[in-house]
Amino acid sequence: MAAREAVDEARKTIRHLRHAEVTRLTIRLGDNDLFMYQTTMKLAFSVRHDEDSDEEAAIAVADDILEQAEDILEHADDGR
């Protein structure tokens, strides 16, 4: 469930997701048997660019997408 929510959240800002790997699943126990699931994942995605664009521009786009993915993963399980 937590993994699915993380992927759904990532799809909001990252296009062309190709693969997701759960690297760790943590279940935190709280008061009154409440659980908080935390999922650590690796996401793979393809970067597509026009043939007219240069390699540096494509790398800049990939770097931006990677930063977005890291931010999503850091916050995907907040409060869940």
PDB file of N, CA and C in Angstrom:
ATOM      1  N   MET A   1       0.823  -1.182   0.000  1.00  0.00           N
ATOM      2  CA  MET A   1       0.000   0.000   0.000  1.00  0.00           C
ATOM      3  C   MET A   1       0.873   1.254   0.000  1.00  0.00           C
ATOM      4  N   ALA A   2       1.862   1.322   0.864  1.00  0.00           N
ATOM      5  CA  ALA A   2       2.742   2.497   0.924  1.00  0.00           C
ATOM      6  C   ALA A   2       3.524   2.647  -0.373  1.00  0.00           C
ATOM      7  N   ALA A   3       3.944   1.525  -0.955  1.00  0.00           N
ATOM      8  CA  ALA A   3       4.691   1.568  -2.216  1.00  0.00           C
ATOM      9  C   ALA A   3       3.800   2.120  -3.326  1.00  0.00           C
ATOM     10  N   ARG A   4       2.576   1.675  -3.385  1.00  0.00           N
ATOM     11  CA  ARG A   4       1.638   2.150  -4.408  1.00  0.00           C
ATOM     12  C   ARG A   4       1.404   3.650  -4.261  1.00  0.00           C
ATOM     13  N   GLU A   5       1.253   4.108  -3.032  1.00  0.00           N
ATOM     14  CA  GLU A   5       1.035   5.539  -2.798  1.00  0.00           C
ATOM     15  C   GLU A   5       2.256   6.352  -3.222  1.00  0.00           C
ATOM     16  N   ALA A   6       3.446   5.831  -2.973  1.00  0.00           N
ATOM     17  CA  ALA A   6       4.669   6.533  -3.380  1.00  0.00           C
ATOM     18  C   ALA A   6       4.757   6.631  -4.899  1.00  0.00           C
ATOM     19  N   VAL A   7       4.441   5.551  -5.597  1.00  0.00           N
ATOM     20  CA  VAL A   7       4.466   5.572  -7.061  1.00  0.00           C
ATOM     21  C   VAL A   7       3.404   6.531  -7.592  1.00  0.00           C
ATOM     22  N   ASP A   8       2.213   6.494  -7.040  1.00  0.00           N
ATOM     23  CA  ASP A   8       1.156   7.411  -7.473  1.00  0.00           C
ATOM     24  C   ASP A   8       1.569   8.863  -7.270  1.00  0.00           C
ATOM     25  N   GLU A   9       2.215   9.144  -6.152  1.00  0.00           N
ATOM     26  CA  GLU A   9       2.687  10.505  -5.881  1.00  0.00           C
ATOM     27  C   GLU A   9       3.782  10.905  -6.864  1.00  0.00           C
ATOM     28  N   ALA A  10       4.692  10.009  -7.156  1.00  0.00           N
ATOM     29  CA  ALA A  10       5.782  10.295  -8.102  1.00  0.00           C
ATOM     30  C   ALA A  10       5.238  10.575  -9.495  1.00  0.00           C
ATOM     31  N   ARG A  11       4.203   9.863  -9.896  1.00  0.00           N
ATOM     32  CA  ARG A  11       3.620  10.054 -11.235  1.00  0.00           C
ATOM     33  C   ARG A  11       3.022  11.451 -11.427  1.00  0.00           C
ATOM     34  N   LYS A  12       2.772  12.151 -10.354  1.00  0.00           N
ATOM     35  CA  LYS A  12       2.217  13.495 -10.475  1.00  0.00           C
ATOM     36  C   LYS A  12       3.216  14.461 -11.099  1.00  0.00           C
ATOM     37  N   THR A  13       4.512  14.213 -10.913  1.00  0.00           N
ATOM     38  CA  THR A  13       5.521  15.146 -11.427  1.00  0.00           C
ATOM     39  C   THR A  13       6.592  14.491 -12.296  1.00  0.00           C
ATOM     40  N   ILE A  14       6.661  13.178 -12.310  1.00  0.00           N
ATOM     41  CA  ILE A  14       7.685  12.502 -13.113  1.00  0.00           C
ATOM     42  C   ILE A  14       6.993  11.690 -14.196  1.00  0.00           C
ATOM     43  N   ARG A  15       7.368  11.970 -15.435  1.00  0.00           N
ATOM     44  CA  ARG A  15       6.791  11.223 -16.548  1.00  0.00           C
ATOM     45  C   ARG A  15       7.680  10.035 -16.894  1.00  0.00           C
ATOM     46  N   HIS A  16       7.098   9.088 -17.576  1.00  0.00           N
ATOM     47  CA  HIS A  16       7.823   7.941 -18.130  1.00  0.00           C
ATOM     48  C   HIS A  16       8.451   7.053 -17.053  1.00  0.00           C
ATOM     49  N   LEU A  17       7.739   6.853 -15.945  1.00  0.00           N
ATOM     50  CA  LEU A  17       8.223   5.913 -14.934  1.00  0.00           C
ATOM     51  C   LEU A  17       8.262   4.517 -15.545  1.00  0.00           C
ATOM     52  N   ARG A  18       9.357   3.809 -15.321  1.00  0.00           N
ATOM     53  CA  ARG A  18       9.530   2.511 -15.947  1.00  0.00           C
ATOM     54  C   ARG A  18       9.585   1.358 -14.945  1.00  0.00           C
ATOM     55  N   HIS A  19      10.068   1.633 -13.745  1.00  0.00           N
ATOM     56  CA  HIS A  19      10.328   0.547 -12.804  1.00  0.00           C
ATOM     57  C   HIS A  19      10.383   1.126 -11.392  1.00  0.00           C
ATOM     58  N   ALA A  20       9.886   0.361 -10.451  1.00  0.00           N
ATOM     59  CA  ALA A  20       9.980   0.753  -9.040  1.00  0.00           C
ATOM     60  C   ALA A  20      10.466  -0.453  -8.251  1.00  0.00           C
ATOM     61  N   GLU A  21      11.401  -0.208  -7.362  1.00  0.00           N
ATOM     62  CA  GLU A  21      11.945  -1.278  -6.524  1.00  0.00           C
ATOM     63  C   GLU A  21      11.850  -0.861  -5.064  1.00  0.00           C
ATOM     64  N   VAL A  22      11.179  -1.665  -4.270  1.00  0.00           N
ATOM     65  CA  VAL A  22      11.111  -1.400  -2.839  1.00  0.00           C
ATOM     66  C   VAL A  22      12.417  -1.902  -2.229  1.00  0.00           C
ATOM     67  N   THR A  23      13.167  -0.980  -1.658  1.00  0.00           N
ATOM     68  CA  THR A  23      14.452  -1.359  -1.060  1.00  0.00           C
ATOM     69  C   THR A  23      14.341  -1.587   0.437  1.00  0.00           C
ATOM     70  N   ARG A  24      13.269  -1.019   1.031  1.00  0.00           N
ATOM     71  CA  ARG A  24      13.073  -1.211   2.466  1.00  0.00           C
ATOM     72  C   ARG A  24      11.636  -0.882   2.825  1.00  0.00           C
ATOM     73  N   LEU A  25      11.070  -1.672   3.699  1.00  0.00           N
ATOM     74  CA  LEU A  25       9.734  -1.417   4.214  1.00  0.00           C
ATOM     75  C   LEU A  25       9.818  -1.419   5.728  1.00  0.00           C
ATOM     76  N   THR A  26       9.382  -0.326   6.326  1.00  0.00           N
ATOM     77  CA  THR A  26       9.424  -0.187   7.768  1.00  0.00           C
ATOM     78  C   THR A  26       8.010   0.024   8.282  1.00  0.00           C
ATOM     79  N   ILE A  27       7.686  -0.653   9.345  1.00  0.00           N
ATOM     80  CA  ILE A  27       6.388  -0.464   9.991  1.00  0.00           C
ATOM     81  C   ILE A  27       6.658   0.056  11.396  1.00  0.00           C
ATOM     82  N   ARG A  28       6.181   1.243  11.660  1.00  0.00           N
ATOM     83  CA  ARG A  28       6.368   1.840  12.977  1.00  0.00           C
ATOM     84  C   ARG A  28       5.110   1.627  13.796  1.00  0.00           C
ATOM     85  N   LEU A  29       5.295   1.186  15.003  1.00  0.00           N
ATOM     86  CA  LEU A  29       4.162   0.930  15.890  1.00  0.00           C
ATOM     87  C   LEU A  29       3.925   2.147  16.763  1.00  0.00           C
ATOM     88  N   GLY A  30       2.669   2.510  16.887  1.00  0.00           N
ATOM     89  CA  GLY A  30       2.310   3.650  17.708  1.00  0.00           C
ATOM     90  C   GLY A  30       1.386   3.239  18.828  1.00  0.00           C
ATOM     91  N   ASP A  31       0.824   4.233  19.474  1.00  0.00           N
ATOM     92  CA  ASP A  31      -0.136   3.974  20.546  1.00  0.00           C
ATOM     93  C   ASP A  31      -1.393   3.325  19.985  1.00  0.00           C
ATOM     94  N   ASN A  32      -2.040   2.499  20.790  1.00  0.00           N
ATOM     95  CA  ASN A  32      -3.297   1.851  20.413  1.00  0.00           C
ATOM     96  C   ASN A  32      -3.175   1.030  19.127  1.00  0.00           C
ATOM     97  N   ASP A  33      -2.029   0.395  18.949  1.00  0.00           N
ATOM     98  CA  ASP A  33      -1.798  -0.466  17.790  1.00  0.00           C
ATOM     99  C   ASP A  33      -1.919   0.261  16.444  1.00  0.00           C
ATOM    100  N   LEU A  34      -1.643   1.548  16.416  1.00  0.00           N
ATOM    101  CA  LEU A  34      -1.632   2.286  15.151  1.00  0.00           C
ATOM    102  C   LEU A  34      -0.319   2.004  14.446  1.00  0.00           C
ATOM    103  N   PHE A  35      -0.389   1.865  13.136  1.00  0.00           N
ATOM    104  CA  PHE A  35       0.799   1.584  12.344  1.00  0.00           C
ATOM    105  C   PHE A  35       1.070   2.729  11.383  1.00  0.00           C
ATOM    106  N   MET A  36       2.349   2.985  11.145  1.00  0.00           N
ATOM    107  CA  MET A  36       2.749   3.914  10.102  1.00  0.00           C
ATOM    108  C   MET A  36       3.715   3.154   9.203  1.00  0.00           C
ATOM    109  N   TYR A  37       3.367   3.073   7.927  1.00  0.00           N
ATOM    110  CA  TYR A  37       4.201   2.370   6.978  1.00  0.00           C
ATOM    111  C   TYR A  37       5.114   3.359   6.278  1.00  0.00           C
ATOM    112  N   GLN A  38       6.385   3.022   6.194  1.00  0.00           N
ATOM    113  CA  GLN A  38       7.357   3.857   5.496  1.00  0.00           C
ATOM    114  C   GLN A  38       8.053   2.983   4.465  1.00  0.00           C
ATOM    115  N   THR A  39       8.020   3.430   3.234  1.00  0.00           N
ATOM    116  CA  THR A  39       8.605   2.670   2.139  1.00  0.00           C
ATOM    117  C   THR A  39       9.749   3.455   1.532  1.00  0.00           C
ATOM    118  N   THR A  40      10.882   2.807   1.381  1.00  0.00           N
ATOM    119  CA  THR A  40      12.014   3.389   0.673  1.00  0.00           C
ATOM    120  C   THR A  40      12.088   2.696  -0.678  1.00  0.00           C
ATOM    121  N   MET A  41      12.130   3.497  -1.743  1.00  0.00           N
ATOM    122  CA  MET A  41      12.072   2.933  -3.088  1.00  0.00           C
ATOM    123  C   MET A  41      13.116   3.550  -3.999  1.00  0.00           C
ATOM    124  N   LYS A  42      13.429   2.820  -5.044  1.00  0.00           N
ATOM    125  CA  LYS A  42      14.203   3.343  -6.161  1.00  0.00           C
ATOM    126  C   LYS A  42      13.247   3.384  -7.345  1.00  0.00           C
ATOM    127  N   LEU A  43      13.246   4.505  -8.059  1.00  0.00           N
ATOM    128  CA  LEU A  43      12.400   4.653  -9.227  1.00  0.00           C
ATOM    129  C   LEU A  43      13.273   4.796 -10.461  1.00  0.00           C
ATOM    130  N   ALA A  44      12.899   4.121 -11.528  1.00  0.00           N
ATOM    131  CA  ALA A  44      13.584   4.261 -12.803  1.00  0.00           C
ATOM    132  C   ALA A  44      12.632   4.941 -13.775  1.00  0.00           C
ATOM    133  N   PHE A  45      13.161   5.839 -14.562  1.00  0.00           N
ATOM    134  CA  PHE A  45      12.349   6.554 -15.537  1.00  0.00           C
ATOM    135  C   PHE A  45      13.205   6.869 -16.745  1.00  0.00           C
ATOM    136  N   SER A  46      12.563   7.055 -17.876  1.00  0.00           N
ATOM    137  CA  SER A  46      13.302   7.410 -19.079  1.00  0.00           C
ATOM    138  C   SER A  46      13.210   8.915 -19.289  1.00  0.00           C
ATOM    139  N   VAL A  47      14.274   9.465 -19.814  1.00  0.00           N
ATOM    140  CA  VAL A  47      14.318  10.887 -20.138  1.00  0.00           C
ATOM    141  C   VAL A  47      14.233  10.991 -21.656  1.00  0.00           C
ATOM    142  N   ARG A  48      13.220  11.685 -22.105  1.00  0.00           N
ATOM    143  CA  ARG A  48      13.026  11.847 -23.547  1.00  0.00           C
ATOM    144  C   ARG A  48      13.201  13.312 -23.889  1.00  0.00           C
ATOM    145  N   HIS A  49      13.871  13.538 -24.991  1.00  0.00           N
ATOM    146  CA  HIS A  49      14.065  14.912 -25.438  1.00  0.00           C
ATOM    147  C   HIS A  49      14.027  14.938 -26.959  1.00  0.00           C
ATOM    148  N   ASP A  50      13.819  16.102 -27.505  1.00  0.00           N
ATOM    149  CA  ASP A  50      13.780  16.265 -28.957  1.00  0.00           C
ATOM    150  C   ASP A  50      15.164  16.053 -29.537  1.00  0.00           C
ATOM    151  N   GLU A  51      15.198  15.611 -30.789  1.00  0.00           N
ATOM    152  CA  GLU A  51      16.491  15.420 -31.449  1.00  0.00           C
ATOM    153  C   GLU A  51      17.233  16.736 -31.613  1.00  0.00           C
ATOM    154  N   ASP A  52      16.497  17.845 -31.633  1.00  0.00           N
ATOM    155  CA  ASP A  52      17.119  19.154 -31.797  1.00  0.00           C
ATOM    156  C   ASP A  52      17.799  19.642 -30.526  1.00  0.00           C
ATOM    157  N   SER A  53      17.436  19.086 -29.383  1.00  0.00           N
ATOM    158  CA  SER A  53      18.034  19.549 -28.134  1.00  0.00           C
ATOM    159  C   SER A  53      19.401  18.900 -27.944  1.00  0.00           C
ATOM    160  N   ASP A  54      20.215  19.553 -27.149  1.00  0.00           N
ATOM    161  CA  ASP A  54      21.571  19.035 -26.958  1.00  0.00           C
ATOM    162  C   ASP A  54      21.667  18.145 -25.722  1.00  0.00           C
ATOM    163  N   GLU A  55      22.764  17.466 -25.590  1.00  0.00           N
ATOM    164  CA  GLU A  55      22.963  16.523 -24.488  1.00  0.00           C
ATOM    165  C   GLU A  55      22.967  17.228 -23.136  1.00  0.00           C
ATOM    166  N   GLU A  56      23.548  18.420 -23.064  1.00  0.00           N
ATOM    167  CA  GLU A  56      23.586  19.151 -21.800  1.00  0.00           C
ATOM    168  C   GLU A  56      22.176  19.488 -21.313  1.00  0.00           C
ATOM    169  N   ALA A  57      21.302  19.844 -22.222  1.00  0.00           N
ATOM    170  CA  ALA A  57      19.919  20.149 -21.848  1.00  0.00           C
ATOM    171  C   ALA A  57      19.227  18.894 -21.324  1.00  0.00           C
ATOM    172  N   ALA A  58      19.479  17.773 -21.965  1.00  0.00           N
ATOM    173  CA  ALA A  58      18.872  16.512 -21.508  1.00  0.00           C
ATOM    174  C   ALA A  58      19.371  16.143 -20.121  1.00  0.00           C
ATOM    175  N   ILE A  59      20.648  16.355 -19.858  1.00  0.00           N
ATOM    176  CA  ILE A  59      21.215  16.066 -18.541  1.00  0.00           C
ATOM    177  C   ILE A  59      20.605  16.986 -17.492  1.00  0.00           C
ATOM    178  N   ALA A  60      20.418  18.246 -17.836  1.00  0.00           N
ATOM    179  CA  ALA A  60      19.801  19.193 -16.904  1.00  0.00           C
ATOM    180  C   ALA A  60      18.379  18.763 -16.562  1.00  0.00           C
ATOM    181  N   VAL A  61      17.635  18.285 -17.557  1.00  0.00           N
ATOM    182  CA  VAL A  61      16.278  17.801 -17.321  1.00  0.00           C
ATOM    183  C   VAL A  61      16.315  16.588 -16.409  1.00  0.00           C
ATOM    184  N   ALA A  62      17.239  15.662 -16.672  1.00  0.00           N
ATOM    185  CA  ALA A  62      17.358  14.455 -15.840  1.00  0.00           C
ATOM    186  C   ALA A  62      17.703  14.821 -14.402  1.00  0.00           C
ATOM    187  N   ASP A  63      18.601  15.767 -14.211  1.00  0.00           N
ATOM    188  CA  ASP A  63      18.958  16.207 -12.858  1.00  0.00           C
ATOM    189  C   ASP A  63      17.760  16.804 -12.136  1.00  0.00           C
ATOM    190  N   ASP A  64      16.969  17.595 -12.854  1.00  0.00           N
ATOM    191  CA  ASP A  64      15.779  18.194 -12.262  1.00  0.00           C
ATOM    192  C   ASP A  64      14.780  17.118 -11.861  1.00  0.00           C
ATOM    193  N   ILE A  65      14.571  16.135 -12.720  1.00  0.00           N
ATOM    194  CA  ILE A  65      13.648  15.043 -12.413  1.00  0.00           C
ATOM    195  C   ILE A  65      14.143  14.250 -11.210  1.00  0.00           C
ATOM    196  N   LEU A  66      15.428  14.004 -11.133  1.00  0.00           N
ATOM    197  CA  LEU A  66      15.993  13.269 -10.003  1.00  0.00           C
ATOM    198  C   LEU A  66      15.759  14.015  -8.693  1.00  0.00           C
ATOM    199  N   GLU A  67      15.950  15.319  -8.692  1.00  0.00           N
ATOM    200  CA  GLU A  67      15.691  16.110  -7.489  1.00  0.00           C
ATOM    201  C   GLU A  67      14.223  16.028  -7.092  1.00  0.00           C
ATOM    202  N   GLN A  68      13.319  16.086  -8.076  1.00  0.00           N
ATOM    203  CA  GLN A  68      11.897  15.971  -7.780  1.00  0.00           C
ATOM    204  C   GLN A  68      11.583  14.605  -7.172  1.00  0.00           C
ATOM    205  N   ALA A  69      12.177  13.564  -7.733  1.00  0.00           N
ATOM    206  CA  ALA A  69      11.936  12.202  -7.233  1.00  0.00           C
ATOM    207  C   ALA A  69      12.411  12.059  -5.799  1.00  0.00           C
ATOM    208  N   GLU A  70      13.591  12.596  -5.507  1.00  0.00           N
ATOM    209  CA  GLU A  70      14.120  12.518  -4.147  1.00  0.00           C
ATOM    210  C   GLU A  70      13.201  13.251  -3.172  1.00  0.00           C
ATOM    211  N   ASP A  71      12.693  14.400  -3.585  1.00  0.00           N
ATOM    212  CA  ASP A  71      11.786  15.163  -2.729  1.00  0.00           C
ATOM    213  C   ASP A  71      10.491  14.398  -2.495  1.00  0.00           C
ATOM    214  N   ILE A  72       9.972  13.778  -3.547  1.00  0.00           N
ATOM    215  CA  ILE A  72       8.740  12.994  -3.426  1.00  0.00           C
ATOM    216  C   ILE A  72       8.939  11.844  -2.463  1.00  0.00           C
ATOM    217  N   LEU A  73      10.033  11.142  -2.614  1.00  0.00           N
ATOM    218  CA  LEU A  73      10.277   9.981  -1.757  1.00  0.00           C
ATOM    219  C   LEU A  73      10.473  10.384  -0.297  1.00  0.00           C
ATOM    220  N   GLU A  74      11.085  11.527  -0.072  1.00  0.00           N
ATOM    221  CA  GLU A  74      11.278  11.991   1.304  1.00  0.00           C
ATOM    222  C   GLU A  74       9.959  12.324   1.979  1.00  0.00           C
ATOM    223  N   HIS A  75       8.981  12.776   1.191  1.00  0.00           N
ATOM    224  CA  HIS A  75       7.729  13.245   1.765  1.00  0.00           C
ATOM    225  C   HIS A  75       6.550  12.330   1.500  1.00  0.00           C
ATOM    226  N   ALA A  76       6.731  11.268   0.752  1.00  0.00           N
ATOM    227  CA  ALA A  76       5.607  10.395   0.361  1.00  0.00           C
ATOM    228  C   ALA A  76       4.936   9.743   1.549  1.00  0.00           C
ATOM    229  N   ASP A  77       5.704   9.421   2.581  1.00  0.00           N
ATOM    230  CA  ASP A  77       5.135   8.702   3.707  1.00  0.00           C
ATOM    231  C   ASP A  77       4.900   9.585   4.935  1.00  0.00           C
ATOM    232  N   ASP A  78       5.042  10.894   4.776  1.00  0.00           N
ATOM    233  CA  ASP A  78       4.802  11.788   5.907  1.00  0.00           C
ATOM    234  C   ASP A  78       3.379  11.642   6.409  1.00  0.00           C
ATOM    235  N   GLY A  79       3.249  11.304   7.657  1.00  0.00           N
ATOM    236  CA  GLY A  79       1.937  11.224   8.271  1.00  0.00           C
ATOM    237  C   GLY A  79       1.110  10.012   7.892  1.00  0.00           C
ATOM    238  N   ARG A  80       1.713   9.056   7.243  1.00  0.00           N
ATOM    239  CA  ARG A  80       0.939   7.860   6.844  1.00  0.00           C
ATOM    240  C   ARG A  80       1.315   6.688   7.696  1.00  0.00           C
TER     241      ARG A  80
END
